[in-house]
């Protein structure tokens, strides 16, 4: 249970940093930011494994933020199409 709370807080921080790096109009609030950050950490982990960092690789902050930036860009494209 405590690990899930830590993961959610880290996801919120990662998502907030991704939104700071990519300025612009953002659909969604704090929950969407946390979800983007958490999934970004997972994307960073899978990217690290794909790049050959090892099967037990867990994304660090940089890879997590890069994954969240990628997801935020995709999210903005999808959300932008819906509002048009």
PDB file of N, CA and C in Angstrom:
ATOM      1  N   UNK A   1       0.828  -1.191   0.000  1.00  0.00           N
ATOM      2  CA  UNK A   1       0.000   0.000   0.000  1.00  0.00           C
ATOM      3  C   UNK A   1       0.870   1.251   0.000  1.00  0.00           C
ATOM      4  N   UNK A   2       1.919   1.250   0.834  1.00  0.00           N
ATOM      5  CA  UNK A   2       2.791   2.412   0.917  1.00  0.00           C
ATOM      6  C   UNK A   2       3.538   2.633  -0.392  1.00  0.00           C
ATOM      7  N   UNK A   3       3.897   1.543  -1.087  1.00  0.00           N
ATOM      8  CA  UNK A   3       4.583   1.666  -2.370  1.00  0.00           C
ATOM      9  C   UNK A   3       3.686   2.324  -3.412  1.00  0.00           C
ATOM     10  N   UNK A   4       2.402   2.033  -3.382  1.00  0.00           N
ATOM     11  CA  UNK A   4       1.457   2.643  -4.312  1.00  0.00           C
ATOM     12  C   UNK A   4       1.349   4.146  -4.059  1.00  0.00           C
ATOM     13  N   UNK A   5       1.358   4.543  -2.806  1.00  0.00           N
ATOM     14  CA  UNK A   5       1.298   5.964  -2.467  1.00  0.00           C
ATOM     15  C   UNK A   5       2.569   6.665  -2.932  1.00  0.00           C
ATOM     16  N   UNK A   6       3.716   6.038  -2.709  1.00  0.00           N
ATOM     17  CA  UNK A   6       4.983   6.617  -3.178  1.00  0.00           C
ATOM     18  C   UNK A   6       4.993   6.733  -4.703  1.00  0.00           C
ATOM     19  N   UNK A   7       4.476   5.726  -5.390  1.00  0.00           N
ATOM     20  CA  UNK A   7       4.421   5.735  -6.847  1.00  0.00           C
ATOM     21  C   UNK A   7       3.516   6.862  -7.341  1.00  0.00           C
ATOM     22  N   UNK A   8       2.384   7.083  -6.673  1.00  0.00           N
ATOM     23  CA  UNK A   8       1.460   8.147  -7.065  1.00  0.00           C
ATOM     24  C   UNK A   8       2.087   9.523  -6.840  1.00  0.00           C
ATOM     25  N   UNK A   9       2.786   9.702  -5.725  1.00  0.00           N
ATOM     26  CA  UNK A   9       3.429  10.988  -5.447  1.00  0.00           C
ATOM     27  C   UNK A   9       4.563  11.235  -6.443  1.00  0.00           C
ATOM     28  N   UNK A  10       5.359  10.215  -6.715  1.00  0.00           N
ATOM     29  CA  UNK A  10       6.428  10.357  -7.710  1.00  0.00           C
ATOM     30  C   UNK A  10       5.836  10.655  -9.082  1.00  0.00           C
ATOM     31  N   UNK A  11       4.725  10.006  -9.424  1.00  0.00           N
ATOM     32  CA  UNK A  11       4.060  10.258 -10.697  1.00  0.00           C
ATOM     33  C   UNK A  11       3.572  11.692 -10.812  1.00  0.00           C
ATOM     34  N   UNK A  12       3.064  12.228  -9.715  1.00  0.00           N
ATOM     35  CA  UNK A  12       2.605  13.620  -9.715  1.00  0.00           C
ATOM     36  C   UNK A  12       3.786  14.568  -9.942  1.00  0.00           C
ATOM     37  N   UNK A  13       4.895  14.298  -9.290  1.00  0.00           N
ATOM     38  CA  UNK A  13       6.086  15.140  -9.460  1.00  0.00           C
ATOM     39  C   UNK A  13       6.613  15.036 -10.888  1.00  0.00           C
ATOM     40  N   UNK A  14       6.693  13.821 -11.403  1.00  0.00           N
ATOM     41  CA  UNK A  14       7.185  13.609 -12.767  1.00  0.00           C
ATOM     42  C   UNK A  14       6.258  14.275 -13.778  1.00  0.00           C
ATOM     43  N   UNK A  15       4.954  14.120 -13.602  1.00  0.00           N
ATOM     44  CA  UNK A  15       3.990  14.755 -14.506  1.00  0.00           C
ATOM     45  C   UNK A  15       4.067  16.270 -14.453  1.00  0.00           C
ATOM     46  N   UNK A  16       4.260  16.825 -13.257  1.00  0.00           N
ATOM     47  CA  UNK A  16       4.375  18.277 -13.121  1.00  0.00           C
ATOM     48  C   UNK A  16       5.633  18.791 -13.806  1.00  0.00           C
ATOM     49  N   UNK A  17       6.736  18.070 -13.674  1.00  0.00           N
ATOM     50  CA  UNK A  17       7.976  18.474 -14.348  1.00  0.00           C
ATOM     51  C   UNK A  17       7.799  18.401 -15.861  1.00  0.00           C
ATOM     52  N   UNK A  18       7.129  17.356 -16.339  1.00  0.00           N
ATOM     53  CA  UNK A  18       6.884  17.236 -17.782  1.00  0.00           C
ATOM     54  C   UNK A  18       6.042  18.405 -18.288  1.00  0.00           C
ATOM     55  N   UNK A  19       5.045  18.822 -17.498  1.00  0.00           N
ATOM     56  CA  UNK A  19       4.222  19.962 -17.903  1.00  0.00           C
ATOM     57  C   UNK A  19       5.009  21.262 -17.859  1.00  0.00           C
ATOM     58  N   UNK A  20       5.971  21.376 -16.944  1.00  0.00           N
ATOM     59  CA  UNK A  20       6.821  22.569 -16.904  1.00  0.00           C
ATOM     60  C   UNK A  20       7.764  22.619 -18.101  1.00  0.00           C
ATOM     61  N   UNK A  21       8.258  21.456 -18.515  1.00  0.00           N
ATOM     62  CA  UNK A  21       9.178  21.392 -19.649  1.00  0.00           C
ATOM     63  C   UNK A  21       8.443  21.675 -20.956  1.00  0.00           C
ATOM     64  N   UNK A  22       7.192  21.232 -21.033  1.00  0.00           N
ATOM     65  CA  UNK A  22       6.374  21.440 -22.235  1.00  0.00           C
ATOM     66  C   UNK A  22       5.285  22.466 -21.932  1.00  0.00           C
ATOM     67  N   UNK A  23       5.609  23.757 -21.988  1.00  0.00           N
ATOM     68  CA  UNK A  23       4.583  24.746 -21.672  1.00  0.00           C
ATOM     69  C   UNK A  23       3.490  24.741 -22.724  1.00  0.00           C
ATOM     70  N   UNK A  24       2.330  25.155 -22.314  1.00  0.00           N
ATOM     71  CA  UNK A  24       1.196  25.208 -23.222  1.00  0.00           C
ATOM     72  C   UNK A  24      -0.081  24.907 -22.483  1.00  0.00           C
ATOM     73  N   UNK A  25      -1.138  24.922 -23.220  1.00  0.00           N
ATOM     74  CA  UNK A  25      -2.452  24.666 -22.647  1.00  0.00           C
ATOM     75  C   UNK A  25      -2.598  23.182 -22.381  1.00  0.00           C
ATOM     76  N   UNK A  26      -2.898  22.838 -21.131  1.00  0.00           N
ATOM     77  CA  UNK A  26      -3.008  21.437 -20.750  1.00  0.00           C
ATOM     78  C   UNK A  26      -4.427  21.080 -20.350  1.00  0.00           C
ATOM     79  N   UNK A  27      -5.006  20.120 -21.047  1.00  0.00           N
ATOM     80  CA  UNK A  27      -6.275  19.593 -20.575  1.00  0.00           C
ATOM     81  C   UNK A  27      -6.022  18.687 -19.373  1.00  0.00           C
ATOM     82  N   UNK A  28      -6.937  18.666 -18.463  1.00  0.00           N
ATOM     83  CA  UNK A  28      -6.791  17.788 -17.304  1.00  0.00           C
ATOM     84  C   UNK A  28      -6.205  18.513 -16.116  1.00  0.00           C
ATOM     85  N   UNK A  29      -6.394  17.925 -14.969  1.00  0.00           N
ATOM     86  CA  UNK A  29      -5.925  18.532 -13.739  1.00  0.00           C
ATOM     87  C   UNK A  29      -4.864  17.699 -13.053  1.00  0.00           C
ATOM     88  N   UNK A  30      -4.920  17.697 -11.736  1.00  0.00           N
ATOM     89  CA  UNK A  30      -3.888  17.052 -10.926  1.00  0.00           C
ATOM     90  C   UNK A  30      -3.900  15.528 -11.098  1.00  0.00           C
ATOM     91  N   UNK A  31      -5.071  14.951 -11.253  1.00  0.00           N
ATOM     92  CA  UNK A  31      -5.168  13.494 -11.427  1.00  0.00           C
ATOM     93  C   UNK A  31      -4.557  13.084 -12.761  1.00  0.00           C
ATOM     94  N   UNK A  32      -4.873  13.821 -13.819  1.00  0.00           N
ATOM     95  CA  UNK A  32      -4.316  13.516 -15.138  1.00  0.00           C
ATOM     96  C   UNK A  32      -2.798  13.693 -15.119  1.00  0.00           C
ATOM     97  N   UNK A  33      -2.320  14.728 -14.416  1.00  0.00           N
ATOM     98  CA  UNK A  33      -0.879  14.949 -14.298  1.00  0.00           C
ATOM     99  C   UNK A  33      -0.202  13.763 -13.617  1.00  0.00           C
ATOM    100  N   UNK A  34      -0.788  13.278 -12.535  1.00  0.00           N
ATOM    101  CA  UNK A  34      -0.221  12.128 -11.819  1.00  0.00           C
ATOM    102  C   UNK A  34      -0.249  10.873 -12.687  1.00  0.00           C
ATOM    103  N   UNK A  35      -1.336  10.667 -13.403  1.00  0.00           N
ATOM    104  CA  UNK A  35      -1.435   9.480 -14.262  1.00  0.00           C
ATOM    105  C   UNK A  35      -0.403   9.539 -15.380  1.00  0.00           C
ATOM    106  N   UNK A  36      -0.237  10.713 -15.991  1.00  0.00           N
ATOM    107  CA  UNK A  36       0.770  10.865 -17.041  1.00  0.00           C
ATOM    108  C   UNK A  36       2.163  10.591 -16.479  1.00  0.00           C
ATOM    109  N   UNK A  37       2.436  11.061 -15.276  1.00  0.00           N
ATOM    110  CA  UNK A  37       3.732  10.820 -14.651  1.00  0.00           C
ATOM    111  C   UNK A  37       3.967   9.356 -14.331  1.00  0.00           C
ATOM    112  N   UNK A  38       2.941   8.683 -13.803  1.00  0.00           N
ATOM    113  CA  UNK A  38       3.092   7.263 -13.458  1.00  0.00           C
ATOM    114  C   UNK A  38       3.287   6.416 -14.703  1.00  0.00           C
ATOM    115  N   UNK A  39       2.480   6.666 -15.721  1.00  0.00           N
ATOM    116  CA  UNK A  39       2.627   5.892 -16.949  1.00  0.00           C
ATOM    117  C   UNK A  39       3.931   6.260 -17.647  1.00  0.00           C
ATOM    118  N   UNK A  40       4.353   7.526 -17.527  1.00  0.00           N
ATOM    119  CA  UNK A  40       5.640   7.943 -18.083  1.00  0.00           C
ATOM    120  C   UNK A  40       6.797   7.183 -17.459  1.00  0.00           C
ATOM    121  N   UNK A  41       6.709   6.911 -16.157  1.00  0.00           N
ATOM    122  CA  UNK A  41       7.749   6.118 -15.491  1.00  0.00           C
ATOM    123  C   UNK A  41       7.772   4.693 -16.048  1.00  0.00           C
ATOM    124  N   UNK A  42       6.603   4.142 -16.310  1.00  0.00           N
ATOM    125  CA  UNK A  42       6.541   2.803 -16.894  1.00  0.00           C
ATOM    126  C   UNK A  42       7.097   2.796 -18.313  1.00  0.00           C
ATOM    127  N   UNK A  43       6.763   3.824 -19.094  1.00  0.00           N
ATOM    128  CA  UNK A  43       7.291   3.936 -20.450  1.00  0.00           C
ATOM    129  C   UNK A  43       8.814   4.068 -20.410  1.00  0.00           C
ATOM    130  N   UNK A  44       9.323   4.865 -19.465  1.00  0.00           N
ATOM    131  CA  UNK A  44      10.769   5.013 -19.309  1.00  0.00           C
ATOM    132  C   UNK A  44      11.437   3.697 -18.954  1.00  0.00           C
ATOM    133  N   UNK A  45      10.786   2.911 -18.114  1.00  0.00           N
ATOM    134  CA  UNK A  45      11.328   1.600 -17.748  1.00  0.00           C
ATOM    135  C   UNK A  45      11.388   0.678 -18.965  1.00  0.00           C
ATOM    136  N   UNK A  46      10.307   0.615 -19.727  1.00  0.00           N
ATOM    137  CA  UNK A  46      10.288  -0.244 -20.906  1.00  0.00           C
ATOM    138  C   UNK A  46      11.293   0.231 -21.952  1.00  0.00           C
ATOM    139  N   UNK A  47      11.435   1.552 -22.106  1.00  0.00           N
ATOM    140  CA  UNK A  47      12.414   2.084 -23.061  1.00  0.00           C
ATOM    141  C   UNK A  47      13.828   1.722 -22.628  1.00  0.00           C
ATOM    142  N   UNK A  48      14.108   1.808 -21.335  1.00  0.00           N
ATOM    143  CA  UNK A  48      15.425   1.436 -20.829  1.00  0.00           C
ATOM    144  C   UNK A  48      15.733  -0.024 -21.049  1.00  0.00           C
ATOM    145  N   UNK A  49      14.754  -0.879 -20.836  1.00  0.00           N
ATOM    146  CA  UNK A  49      14.953  -2.313 -21.086  1.00  0.00           C
ATOM    147  C   UNK A  49      15.166  -2.568 -22.566  1.00  0.00           C
ATOM    148  N   UNK A  50      14.412  -1.861 -23.408  1.00  0.00           N
ATOM    149  CA  UNK A  50      14.544  -2.021 -24.848  1.00  0.00           C
ATOM    150  C   UNK A  50      15.926  -1.578 -25.324  1.00  0.00           C
ATOM    151  N   UNK A  51      16.457  -0.535 -24.678  1.00  0.00           N
ATOM    152  CA  UNK A  51      17.774  -0.022 -25.052  1.00  0.00           C
ATOM    153  C   UNK A  51      18.908  -0.857 -24.479  1.00  0.00           C
ATOM    154  N   UNK A  52      18.573  -1.885 -23.706  1.00  0.00           N
ATOM    155  CA  UNK A  52      19.577  -2.826 -23.236  1.00  0.00           C
ATOM    156  C   UNK A  52      20.170  -2.528 -21.875  1.00  0.00           C
ATOM    157  N   UNK A  53      19.451  -1.811 -21.026  1.00  0.00           N
ATOM    158  CA  UNK A  53      19.961  -1.514 -19.692  1.00  0.00           C
ATOM    159  C   UNK A  53      19.766  -2.660 -18.712  1.00  0.00           C
ATOM    160  N   UNK A  54      19.170  -3.753 -19.147  1.00  0.00           N
ATOM    161  CA  UNK A  54      19.015  -4.927 -18.288  1.00  0.00           C
ATOM    162  C   UNK A  54      17.559  -5.220 -17.977  1.00  0.00           C
ATOM    163  N   UNK A  55      17.280  -6.473 -17.688  1.00  0.00           N
ATOM    164  CA  UNK A  55      15.910  -6.913 -17.424  1.00  0.00           C
ATOM    165  C   UNK A  55      15.368  -6.342 -16.116  1.00  0.00           C
ATOM    166  N   UNK A  56      16.251  -6.060 -15.162  1.00  0.00           N
ATOM    167  CA  UNK A  56      15.800  -5.534 -13.870  1.00  0.00           C
ATOM    168  C   UNK A  56      15.848  -4.009 -13.820  1.00  0.00           C
ATOM    169  N   UNK A  57      16.032  -3.362 -14.968  1.00  0.00           N
ATOM    170  CA  UNK A  57      16.140  -1.914 -15.036  1.00  0.00           C
ATOM    171  C   UNK A  57      14.829  -1.263 -14.614  1.00  0.00           C
ATOM    172  N   UNK A  58      14.916  -0.258 -13.752  1.00  0.00           N
ATOM    173  CA  UNK A  58      13.786   0.599 -13.419  1.00  0.00           C
ATOM    174  C   UNK A  58      14.184   2.012 -13.797  1.00  0.00           C
ATOM    175  N   UNK A  59      13.273   2.729 -14.434  1.00  0.00           N
ATOM    176  CA  UNK A  59      13.589   4.062 -14.944  1.00  0.00           C
ATOM    177  C   UNK A  59      14.002   5.000 -13.829  1.00  0.00           C
ATOM    178  N   UNK A  60      14.998   5.792 -14.113  1.00  0.00           N
ATOM    179  CA  UNK A  60      15.369   6.868 -13.214  1.00  0.00           C
ATOM    180  C   UNK A  60      14.507   8.081 -13.500  1.00  0.00           C
ATOM    181  N   UNK A  61      14.814   9.159 -12.843  1.00  0.00           N
ATOM    182  CA  UNK A  61      14.009  10.375 -13.001  1.00  0.00           C
ATOM    183  C   UNK A  61      14.040  10.894 -14.431  1.00  0.00           C
ATOM    184  N   UNK A  62      15.210  10.881 -15.064  1.00  0.00           N
ATOM    185  CA  UNK A  62      15.328  11.429 -16.421  1.00  0.00           C
ATOM    186  C   UNK A  62      14.482  10.629 -17.408  1.00  0.00           C
ATOM    187  N   UNK A  63      14.620   9.311 -17.394  1.00  0.00           N
ATOM    188  CA  UNK A  63      13.835   8.468 -18.311  1.00  0.00           C
ATOM    189  C   UNK A  63      12.340   8.573 -17.998  1.00  0.00           C
ATOM    190  N   UNK A  64      11.986   8.691 -16.744  1.00  0.00           N
ATOM    191  CA  UNK A  64      10.579   8.841 -16.372  1.00  0.00           C
ATOM    192  C   UNK A  64      10.008  10.144 -16.907  1.00  0.00           C
ATOM    193  N   UNK A  65      10.776  11.228 -16.782  1.00  0.00           N
ATOM    194  CA  UNK A  65      10.319  12.526 -17.291  1.00  0.00           C
ATOM    195  C   UNK A  65      10.218  12.498 -18.807  1.00  0.00           C
ATOM    196  N   UNK A  66      11.197  11.882 -19.472  1.00  0.00           N
ATOM    197  CA  UNK A  66      11.129  11.770 -20.935  1.00  0.00           C
ATOM    198  C   UNK A  66       9.909  10.962 -21.372  1.00  0.00           C
ATOM    199  N   UNK A  67       9.621   9.882 -20.658  1.00  0.00           N
ATOM    200  CA  UNK A  67       8.417   9.098 -20.962  1.00  0.00           C
ATOM    201  C   UNK A  67       7.151   9.906 -20.747  1.00  0.00           C
ATOM    202  N   UNK A  68       7.124  10.707 -19.685  1.00  0.00           N
ATOM    203  CA  UNK A  68       5.946  11.539 -19.409  1.00  0.00           C
ATOM    204  C   UNK A  68       5.790  12.638 -20.453  1.00  0.00           C
ATOM    205  N   UNK A  69       6.905  13.199 -20.926  1.00  0.00           N
ATOM    206  CA  UNK A  69       6.842  14.217 -21.977  1.00  0.00           C
ATOM    207  C   UNK A  69       6.261  13.616 -23.253  1.00  0.00           C
ATOM    208  N   UNK A  70       6.698  12.409 -23.590  1.00  0.00           N
ATOM    209  CA  UNK A  70       6.159  11.729 -24.767  1.00  0.00           C
ATOM    210  C   UNK A  70       4.653  11.497 -24.620  1.00  0.00           C
ATOM    211  N   UNK A  71       4.240  11.016 -23.463  1.00  0.00           N
ATOM    212  CA  UNK A  71       2.812  10.780 -23.236  1.00  0.00           C
ATOM    213  C   UNK A  71       2.016  12.078 -23.234  1.00  0.00           C
ATOM    214  N   UNK A  72       2.587  13.145 -22.679  1.00  0.00           N
ATOM    215  CA  UNK A  72       1.900  14.428 -22.660  1.00  0.00           C
ATOM    216  C   UNK A  72       1.702  14.956 -24.075  1.00  0.00           C
ATOM    217  N   UNK A  73       2.694  14.782 -24.932  1.00  0.00           N
ATOM    218  CA  UNK A  73       2.565  15.208 -26.325  1.00  0.00           C
ATOM    219  C   UNK A  73       1.455  14.425 -27.029  1.00  0.00           C
ATOM    220  N   UNK A  74       1.416  13.128 -26.797  1.00  0.00           N
ATOM    221  CA  UNK A  74       0.364  12.293 -27.392  1.00  0.00           C
ATOM    222  C   UNK A  74      -0.999  12.689 -26.837  1.00  0.00           C
ATOM    223  N   UNK A  75      -1.063  12.915 -25.531  1.00  0.00           N
ATOM    224  CA  UNK A  75      -2.319  13.305 -24.886  1.00  0.00           C
ATOM    225  C   UNK A  75      -2.831  14.634 -25.445  1.00  0.00           C
ATOM    226  N   UNK A  76      -1.934  15.605 -25.648  1.00  0.00           N
ATOM    227  CA  UNK A  76      -2.348  16.880 -26.198  1.00  0.00           C
ATOM    228  C   UNK A  76      -2.860  16.746 -27.629  1.00  0.00           C
ATOM    229  N   UNK A  77      -2.224  15.864 -28.410  1.00  0.00           N
ATOM    230  CA  UNK A  77      -2.693  15.659 -29.781  1.00  0.00           C
ATOM    231  C   UNK A  77      -4.097  15.070 -29.784  1.00  0.00           C
ATOM    232  N   UNK A  78      -4.345  14.085 -28.928  1.00  0.00           N
ATOM    233  CA  UNK A  78      -5.655  13.434 -28.873  1.00  0.00           C
ATOM    234  C   UNK A  78      -6.698  14.401 -28.319  1.00  0.00           C
ATOM    235  N   UNK A  79      -6.384  15.092 -27.233  1.00  0.00           N
ATOM    236  CA  UNK A  79      -7.330  16.017 -26.625  1.00  0.00           C
ATOM    237  C   UNK A  79      -7.600  17.208 -27.528  1.00  0.00           C
ATOM    238  N   UNK A  80      -6.594  17.627 -28.293  1.00  0.00           N
ATOM    239  CA  UNK A  80      -6.773  18.736 -29.227  1.00  0.00           C
ATOM    240  C   UNK A  80      -7.713  18.394 -30.362  1.00  0.00           C
ATOM    241  N   UNK A  81      -7.670  17.160 -30.814  1.00  0.00           N
ATOM    242  CA  UNK A  81      -8.575  16.723 -31.892  1.00  0.00           C
ATOM    243  C   UNK A  81     -10.017  16.648 -31.419  1.00  0.00           C
ATOM    244  N   UNK A  82     -10.207  16.270 -30.179  1.00  0.00           N
ATOM    245  CA  UNK A  82     -11.559  16.172 -29.634  1.00  0.00           C
ATOM    246  C   UNK A  82     -12.230  17.527 -29.533  1.00  0.00           C
ATOM    247  N   UNK A  83     -11.467  18.568 -29.200  1.00  0.00           N
ATOM    248  CA  UNK A  83     -12.047  19.888 -28.992  1.00  0.00           C
ATOM    249  C   UNK A  83     -12.288  20.626 -30.302  1.00  0.00           C
ATOM    250  N   UNK A  84     -11.702  20.150 -31.399  1.00  0.00           N
ATOM    251  CA  UNK A  84     -11.894  20.818 -32.710  1.00  0.00           C
ATOM    252  C   UNK A  84     -13.199  20.469 -33.333  1.00  0.00           C
TER     253      UNK A  84
END
